[in-house]
Amino acid sequence: REFETDHHKIHIPVGDLVEALPHAI
């Protein structure tokens, strides 16, 4: 807000986190 950016918030539920673990590894 302070610097008027084009801001994108990304929320990841825990199920998506677990699904992504093998890909990250």
PDB file of all heavy atoms in Angstrom:
ATOM      1  N   ARG A   1       0.844  -1.218   0.000  1.00  0.00           N
ATOM      2  CA  ARG A   1       0.000   0.000   0.000  1.00  0.00           C
ATOM      3  C   ARG A   1       0.871   1.258   0.000  1.00  0.00           C
ATOM      4  O   ARG A   1       0.601   2.217  -0.731  1.00  0.00           O
ATOM      5  CB  ARG A   1      -0.915   0.004   1.226  1.00  0.00           C
ATOM      6  CG  ARG A   1      -2.076  -0.967   1.156  1.00  0.00           C
ATOM      7  CD  ARG A   1      -3.112  -0.655   2.228  1.00  0.00           C
ATOM      8  NE  ARG A   1      -2.526  -0.659   3.575  1.00  0.00           N
ATOM      9  CZ  ARG A   1      -2.451  -1.758   4.348  1.00  0.00           C
ATOM     10  NH1 ARG A   1      -2.913  -2.920   3.911  1.00  0.00           N
ATOM     11  NH2 ARG A   1      -1.923  -1.686   5.553  1.00  0.00           N
ATOM     12  N   GLU A   2       1.919   1.235   0.822  1.00  0.00           N
ATOM     13  CA  GLU A   2       2.779   2.412   0.959  1.00  0.00           C
ATOM     14  C   GLU A   2       3.391   2.829  -0.376  1.00  0.00           C
ATOM     15  O   GLU A   2       3.483   4.014  -0.693  1.00  0.00           O
ATOM     16  CB  GLU A   2       3.886   2.124   1.987  1.00  0.00           C
ATOM     17  CG  GLU A   2       4.898   3.231   2.167  1.00  0.00           C
ATOM     18  CD  GLU A   2       4.369   4.392   2.996  1.00  0.00           C
ATOM     19  OE1 GLU A   2       3.314   4.242   3.662  1.00  0.00           O
ATOM     20  OE2 GLU A   2       5.014   5.469   2.966  1.00  0.00           O
ATOM     21  N   PHE A   3       3.801   1.805  -1.170  1.00  0.00           N
ATOM     22  CA  PHE A   3       4.527   2.106  -2.406  1.00  0.00           C
ATOM     23  C   PHE A   3       3.710   1.792  -3.660  1.00  0.00           C
ATOM     24  O   PHE A   3       4.245   1.787  -4.765  1.00  0.00           O
ATOM     25  CB  PHE A   3       5.860   1.358  -2.411  1.00  0.00           C
ATOM     26  CG  PHE A   3       6.751   1.772  -1.266  1.00  0.00           C
ATOM     27  CD1 PHE A   3       6.938   0.923  -0.178  1.00  0.00           C
ATOM     28  CD2 PHE A   3       7.346   3.018  -1.251  1.00  0.00           C
ATOM     29  CE1 PHE A   3       7.733   1.308   0.898  1.00  0.00           C
ATOM     30  CE2 PHE A   3       8.141   3.414  -0.185  1.00  0.00           C
ATOM     31  CZ  PHE A   3       8.335   2.567   0.895  1.00  0.00           C
ATOM     32  N   GLU A   4       2.399   1.550  -3.467  1.00  0.00           N
ATOM     33  CA  GLU A   4       1.441   1.395  -4.567  1.00  0.00           C
ATOM     34  C   GLU A   4       1.920   0.367  -5.593  1.00  0.00           C
ATOM     35  O   GLU A   4       1.973   0.638  -6.796  1.00  0.00           O
ATOM     36  CB  GLU A   4       1.194   2.757  -5.234  1.00  0.00           C
ATOM     37  CG  GLU A   4       0.609   3.782  -4.285  1.00  0.00           C
ATOM     38  CD  GLU A   4       0.361   5.122  -4.948  1.00  0.00           C
ATOM     39  OE1 GLU A   4       1.000   5.403  -5.994  1.00  0.00           O
ATOM     40  OE2 GLU A   4      -0.474   5.904  -4.438  1.00  0.00           O
ATOM     41  N   THR A   5       2.274  -0.813  -5.083  1.00  0.00           N
ATOM     42  CA  THR A   5       2.727  -1.866  -5.980  1.00  0.00           C
ATOM     43  C   THR A   5       1.537  -2.658  -6.523  1.00  0.00           C
ATOM     44  O   THR A   5       0.430  -2.607  -5.975  1.00  0.00           O
ATOM     45  CB  THR A   5       3.680  -2.845  -5.262  1.00  0.00           C
ATOM     46  OG1 THR A   5       2.942  -3.682  -4.363  1.00  0.00           O
ATOM     47  CG2 THR A   5       4.766  -2.112  -4.509  1.00  0.00           C
ATOM     48  N   ASP A   6       1.785  -3.383  -7.568  1.00  0.00           N
ATOM     49  CA  ASP A   6       0.806  -4.335  -8.120  1.00  0.00           C
ATOM     50  C   ASP A   6       1.029  -5.643  -7.365  1.00  0.00           C
ATOM     51  O   ASP A   6       1.832  -6.479  -7.767  1.00  0.00           O
ATOM     52  CB  ASP A   6       1.048  -4.497  -9.618  1.00  0.00           C
ATOM     53  CG  ASP A   6       0.149  -5.555 -10.244  1.00  0.00           C
ATOM     54  OD1 ASP A   6      -0.873  -5.924  -9.622  1.00  0.00           O
ATOM     55  OD2 ASP A   6       0.492  -6.038 -11.346  1.00  0.00           O
ATOM     56  N   HIS A   7       0.303  -5.777  -6.245  1.00  0.00           N
ATOM     57  CA  HIS A   7       0.653  -6.821  -5.273  1.00  0.00           C
ATOM     58  C   HIS A   7      -0.177  -8.088  -5.471  1.00  0.00           C
ATOM     59  O   HIS A   7      -1.391  -8.026  -5.716  1.00  0.00           O
ATOM     60  CB  HIS A   7       0.451  -6.300  -3.856  1.00  0.00           C
ATOM     61  CG  HIS A   7       1.008  -7.218  -2.809  1.00  0.00           C
ATOM     62  ND1 HIS A   7       2.291  -7.711  -2.860  1.00  0.00           N
ATOM     63  CD2 HIS A   7       0.445  -7.741  -1.680  1.00  0.00           C
ATOM     64  CE1 HIS A   7       2.496  -8.482  -1.812  1.00  0.00           C
ATOM     65  NE2 HIS A   7       1.393  -8.518  -1.084  1.00  0.00           N
ATOM     66  N   HIS A   8       0.501  -9.232  -5.342  1.00  0.00           N
ATOM     67  CA  HIS A   8      -0.126 -10.539  -5.513  1.00  0.00           C
ATOM     68  C   HIS A   8       0.120 -11.370  -4.249  1.00  0.00           C
ATOM     69  O   HIS A   8       1.264 -11.677  -3.925  1.00  0.00           O
ATOM     70  CB  HIS A   8       0.465 -11.263  -6.728  1.00  0.00           C
ATOM     71  CG  HIS A   8       0.423 -10.456  -7.988  1.00  0.00           C
ATOM     72  ND1 HIS A   8      -0.545 -10.624  -8.952  1.00  0.00           N
ATOM     73  CD2 HIS A   8       1.224  -9.448  -8.439  1.00  0.00           C
ATOM     74  CE1 HIS A   8      -0.331  -9.782  -9.949  1.00  0.00           C
ATOM     75  NE2 HIS A   8       0.736  -9.050  -9.655  1.00  0.00           N
ATOM     76  N   LYS A   9      -0.970 -11.716  -3.568  1.00  0.00           N
ATOM     77  CA  LYS A   9      -0.879 -12.571  -2.382  1.00  0.00           C
ATOM     78  C   LYS A   9      -1.251 -13.998  -2.771  1.00  0.00           C
ATOM     79  O   LYS A   9      -2.293 -14.216  -3.381  1.00  0.00           O
ATOM     80  CB  LYS A   9      -1.807 -12.079  -1.275  1.00  0.00           C
ATOM     81  CG  LYS A   9      -1.322 -10.850  -0.566  1.00  0.00           C
ATOM     82  CD  LYS A   9      -2.039 -10.610   0.751  1.00  0.00           C
ATOM     83  CE  LYS A   9      -3.510 -10.375   0.583  1.00  0.00           C
ATOM     84  NZ  LYS A   9      -4.149  -9.972   1.866  1.00  0.00           N
ATOM     85  N   ILE A  10      -0.419 -14.933  -2.370  1.00  0.00           N
ATOM     86  CA  ILE A  10      -0.623 -16.334  -2.716  1.00  0.00           C
ATOM     87  C   ILE A  10      -0.750 -17.127  -1.424  1.00  0.00           C
ATOM     88  O   ILE A  10       0.210 -17.204  -0.640  1.00  0.00           O
ATOM     89  CB  ILE A  10       0.553 -16.869  -3.567  1.00  0.00           C
ATOM     90  CG1 ILE A  10       0.737 -15.999  -4.817  1.00  0.00           C
ATOM     91  CG2 ILE A  10       0.342 -18.326  -3.925  1.00  0.00           C
ATOM     92  CD1 ILE A  10       2.101 -16.128  -5.445  1.00  0.00           C
ATOM     93  N   HIS A  11      -1.922 -17.695  -1.174  1.00  0.00           N
ATOM     94  CA  HIS A  11      -2.123 -18.524   0.014  1.00  0.00           C
ATOM     95  C   HIS A  11      -2.143 -19.991  -0.386  1.00  0.00           C
ATOM     96  O   HIS A  11      -2.858 -20.385  -1.315  1.00  0.00           O
ATOM     97  CB  HIS A  11      -3.423 -18.165   0.741  1.00  0.00           C
ATOM     98  CG  HIS A  11      -3.658 -19.017   1.952  1.00  0.00           C
ATOM     99  ND1 HIS A  11      -4.429 -20.157   1.913  1.00  0.00           N
ATOM    100  CD2 HIS A  11      -3.183 -18.903   3.213  1.00  0.00           C
ATOM    101  CE1 HIS A  11      -4.432 -20.708   3.115  1.00  0.00           C
ATOM    102  NE2 HIS A  11      -3.690 -19.972   3.921  1.00  0.00           N
ATOM    103  N   ILE A  12      -1.360 -20.788   0.324  1.00  0.00           N
ATOM    104  CA  ILE A  12      -1.224 -22.214   0.004  1.00  0.00           C
ATOM    105  C   ILE A  12      -1.794 -23.049   1.146  1.00  0.00           C
ATOM    106  O   ILE A  12      -1.260 -23.040   2.259  1.00  0.00           O
ATOM    107  CB  ILE A  12       0.258 -22.591  -0.221  1.00  0.00           C
ATOM    108  CG1 ILE A  12       0.899 -21.700  -1.277  1.00  0.00           C
ATOM    109  CG2 ILE A  12       0.382 -24.067  -0.585  1.00  0.00           C
ATOM    110  CD1 ILE A  12       0.351 -21.860  -2.660  1.00  0.00           C
ATOM    111  N   PRO A  13      -2.871 -23.783   0.935  1.00  0.00           N
ATOM    112  CA  PRO A  13      -3.375 -24.684   1.979  1.00  0.00           C
ATOM    113  C   PRO A  13      -2.409 -25.834   2.215  1.00  0.00           C
ATOM    114  O   PRO A  13      -1.599 -26.176   1.347  1.00  0.00           O
ATOM    115  CB  PRO A  13      -4.712 -25.169   1.426  1.00  0.00           C
ATOM    116  CG  PRO A  13      -4.621 -24.968  -0.042  1.00  0.00           C
ATOM    117  CD  PRO A  13      -3.702 -23.806  -0.272  1.00  0.00           C
ATOM    118  N   VAL A  14      -2.495 -26.455   3.380  1.00  0.00           N
ATOM    119  CA  VAL A  14      -1.520 -27.476   3.761  1.00  0.00           C
ATOM    120  C   VAL A  14      -1.536 -28.656   2.791  1.00  0.00           C
ATOM    121  O   VAL A  14      -0.498 -29.274   2.529  1.00  0.00           O
ATOM    122  CB  VAL A  14      -1.757 -27.940   5.214  1.00  0.00           C
ATOM    123  CG1 VAL A  14      -3.062 -28.720   5.347  1.00  0.00           C
ATOM    124  CG2 VAL A  14      -0.584 -28.764   5.717  1.00  0.00           C
ATOM    125  N   GLY A  15      -2.679 -28.967   2.209  1.00  0.00           N
ATOM    126  CA  GLY A  15      -2.738 -30.076   1.257  1.00  0.00           C
ATOM    127  C   GLY A  15      -1.877 -29.814   0.030  1.00  0.00           C
ATOM    128  O   GLY A  15      -1.186 -30.714  -0.467  1.00  0.00           O
ATOM    129  N   ASP A  16      -1.900 -28.580  -0.453  1.00  0.00           N
ATOM    130  CA  ASP A  16      -1.066 -28.228  -1.609  1.00  0.00           C
ATOM    131  C   ASP A  16       0.409 -28.252  -1.250  1.00  0.00           C
ATOM    132  O   ASP A  16       1.262 -28.593  -2.075  1.00  0.00           O
ATOM    133  CB  ASP A  16      -1.446 -26.843  -2.128  1.00  0.00           C
ATOM    134  CG  ASP A  16      -2.812 -26.821  -2.793  1.00  0.00           C
ATOM    135  OD1 ASP A  16      -3.461 -27.884  -2.866  1.00  0.00           O
ATOM    136  OD2 ASP A  16      -3.240 -25.738  -3.233  1.00  0.00           O
ATOM    137  N   LEU A  17       0.702 -27.877  -0.001  1.00  0.00           N
ATOM    138  CA  LEU A  17       2.093 -27.910   0.461  1.00  0.00           C
ATOM    139  C   LEU A  17       2.642 -29.326   0.416  1.00  0.00           C
ATOM    140  O   LEU A  17       3.736 -29.578  -0.107  1.00  0.00           O
ATOM    141  CB  LEU A  17       2.175 -27.354   1.880  1.00  0.00           C
ATOM    142  CG  LEU A  17       3.529 -27.453   2.578  1.00  0.00           C
ATOM    143  CD1 LEU A  17       4.524 -26.507   1.946  1.00  0.00           C
ATOM    144  CD2 LEU A  17       3.380 -27.145   4.070  1.00  0.00           C
ATOM    145  N   VAL A  18       1.891 -30.266   0.931  1.00  0.00           N
ATOM    146  CA  VAL A  18       2.337 -31.660   0.955  1.00  0.00           C
ATOM    147  C   VAL A  18       2.479 -32.189  -0.472  1.00  0.00           C
ATOM    148  O   VAL A  18       3.439 -32.888  -0.803  1.00  0.00           O
ATOM    149  CB  VAL A  18       1.363 -32.532   1.773  1.00  0.00           C
ATOM    150  CG1 VAL A  18       1.747 -34.005   1.691  1.00  0.00           C
ATOM    151  CG2 VAL A  18       1.342 -32.062   3.227  1.00  0.00           C
ATOM    152  N   GLU A  19       1.549 -31.828  -1.325  1.00  0.00           N
ATOM    153  CA  GLU A  19       1.606 -32.276  -2.717  1.00  0.00           C
ATOM    154  C   GLU A  19       2.851 -31.735  -3.423  1.00  0.00           C
ATOM    155  O   GLU A  19       3.419 -32.389  -4.307  1.00  0.00           O
ATOM    156  CB  GLU A  19       0.347 -31.799  -3.446  1.00  0.00           C
ATOM    157  CG  GLU A  19       0.248 -32.255  -4.888  1.00  0.00           C
ATOM    158  CD  GLU A  19      -1.017 -31.747  -5.552  1.00  0.00           C
ATOM    159  OE1 GLU A  19      -2.065 -31.699  -4.869  1.00  0.00           O
ATOM    160  OE2 GLU A  19      -0.953 -31.391  -6.744  1.00  0.00           O
ATOM    161  N   ALA A  20       3.295 -30.537  -3.017  1.00  0.00           N
ATOM    162  CA  ALA A  20       4.451 -29.917  -3.671  1.00  0.00           C
ATOM    163  C   ALA A  20       5.784 -30.445  -3.157  1.00  0.00           C
ATOM    164  O   ALA A  20       6.811 -30.266  -3.822  1.00  0.00           O
ATOM    165  CB  ALA A  20       4.402 -28.404  -3.485  1.00  0.00           C
ATOM    166  N   LEU A  21       5.804 -31.080  -1.991  1.00  0.00           N
ATOM    167  CA  LEU A  21       7.079 -31.507  -1.403  1.00  0.00           C
ATOM    168  C   LEU A  21       7.914 -32.386  -2.339  1.00  0.00           C
ATOM    169  O   LEU A  21       9.115 -32.124  -2.519  1.00  0.00           O
ATOM    170  CB  LEU A  21       6.831 -32.228  -0.071  1.00  0.00           C
ATOM    171  CG  LEU A  21       6.628 -31.336   1.150  1.00  0.00           C
ATOM    172  CD1 LEU A  21       6.192 -32.166   2.347  1.00  0.00           C
ATOM    173  CD2 LEU A  21       7.895 -30.559   1.465  1.00  0.00           C
ATOM    174  N   PRO A  22       7.353 -33.424  -2.950  1.00  0.00           N
ATOM    175  CA  PRO A  22       8.189 -34.236  -3.851  1.00  0.00           C
ATOM    176  C   PRO A  22       8.752 -33.440  -5.013  1.00  0.00           C
ATOM    177  O   PRO A  22       9.882 -33.685  -5.461  1.00  0.00           O
ATOM    178  CB  PRO A  22       7.223 -35.326  -4.338  1.00  0.00           C
ATOM    179  CG  PRO A  22       6.140 -35.383  -3.315  1.00  0.00           C
ATOM    180  CD  PRO A  22       5.989 -33.985  -2.814  1.00  0.00           C
ATOM    181  N   HIS A  23       7.994 -32.454  -5.521  1.00  0.00           N
ATOM    182  CA  HIS A  23       8.477 -31.631  -6.623  1.00  0.00           C
ATOM    183  C   HIS A  23       9.639 -30.747  -6.176  1.00  0.00           C
ATOM    184  O   HIS A  23      10.628 -30.575  -6.905  1.00  0.00           O
ATOM    185  CB  HIS A  23       7.340 -30.771  -7.173  1.00  0.00           C
ATOM    186  CG  HIS A  23       6.188 -31.554  -7.702  1.00  0.00           C
ATOM    187  ND1 HIS A  23       6.232 -32.236  -8.903  1.00  0.00           N
ATOM    188  CD2 HIS A  23       4.954 -31.780  -7.186  1.00  0.00           C
ATOM    189  CE1 HIS A  23       5.080 -32.838  -9.110  1.00  0.00           C
ATOM    190  NE2 HIS A  23       4.288 -32.579  -8.082  1.00  0.00           N
ATOM    191  N   ALA A  24       9.521 -30.185  -4.973  1.00  0.00           N
ATOM    192  CA  ALA A  24      10.607 -29.356  -4.453  1.00  0.00           C
ATOM    193  C   ALA A  24      11.865 -30.182  -4.237  1.00  0.00           C
ATOM    194  O   ALA A  24      12.978 -29.744  -4.567  1.00  0.00           O
ATOM    195  CB  ALA A  24      10.177 -28.687  -3.148  1.00  0.00           C
ATOM    196  N   ILE A  25      11.713 -31.383  -3.712  1.00  0.00           N
ATOM    197  CA  ILE A  25      12.866 -32.260  -3.488  1.00  0.00           C
ATOM    198  C   ILE A  25      13.504 -32.649  -4.817  1.00  0.00           C
ATOM    199  O   ILE A  25      14.731 -32.707  -4.949  1.00  0.00           O
ATOM    200  CB  ILE A  25      12.437 -33.489  -2.666  1.00  0.00           C
ATOM    201  CG1 ILE A  25      12.053 -33.057  -1.251  1.00  0.00           C
ATOM    202  CG2 ILE A  25      13.548 -34.544  -2.637  1.00  0.00           C
ATOM    203  CD1 ILE A  25      11.314 -34.107  -0.455  1.00  0.00           C
TER     204      ILE A  25
END
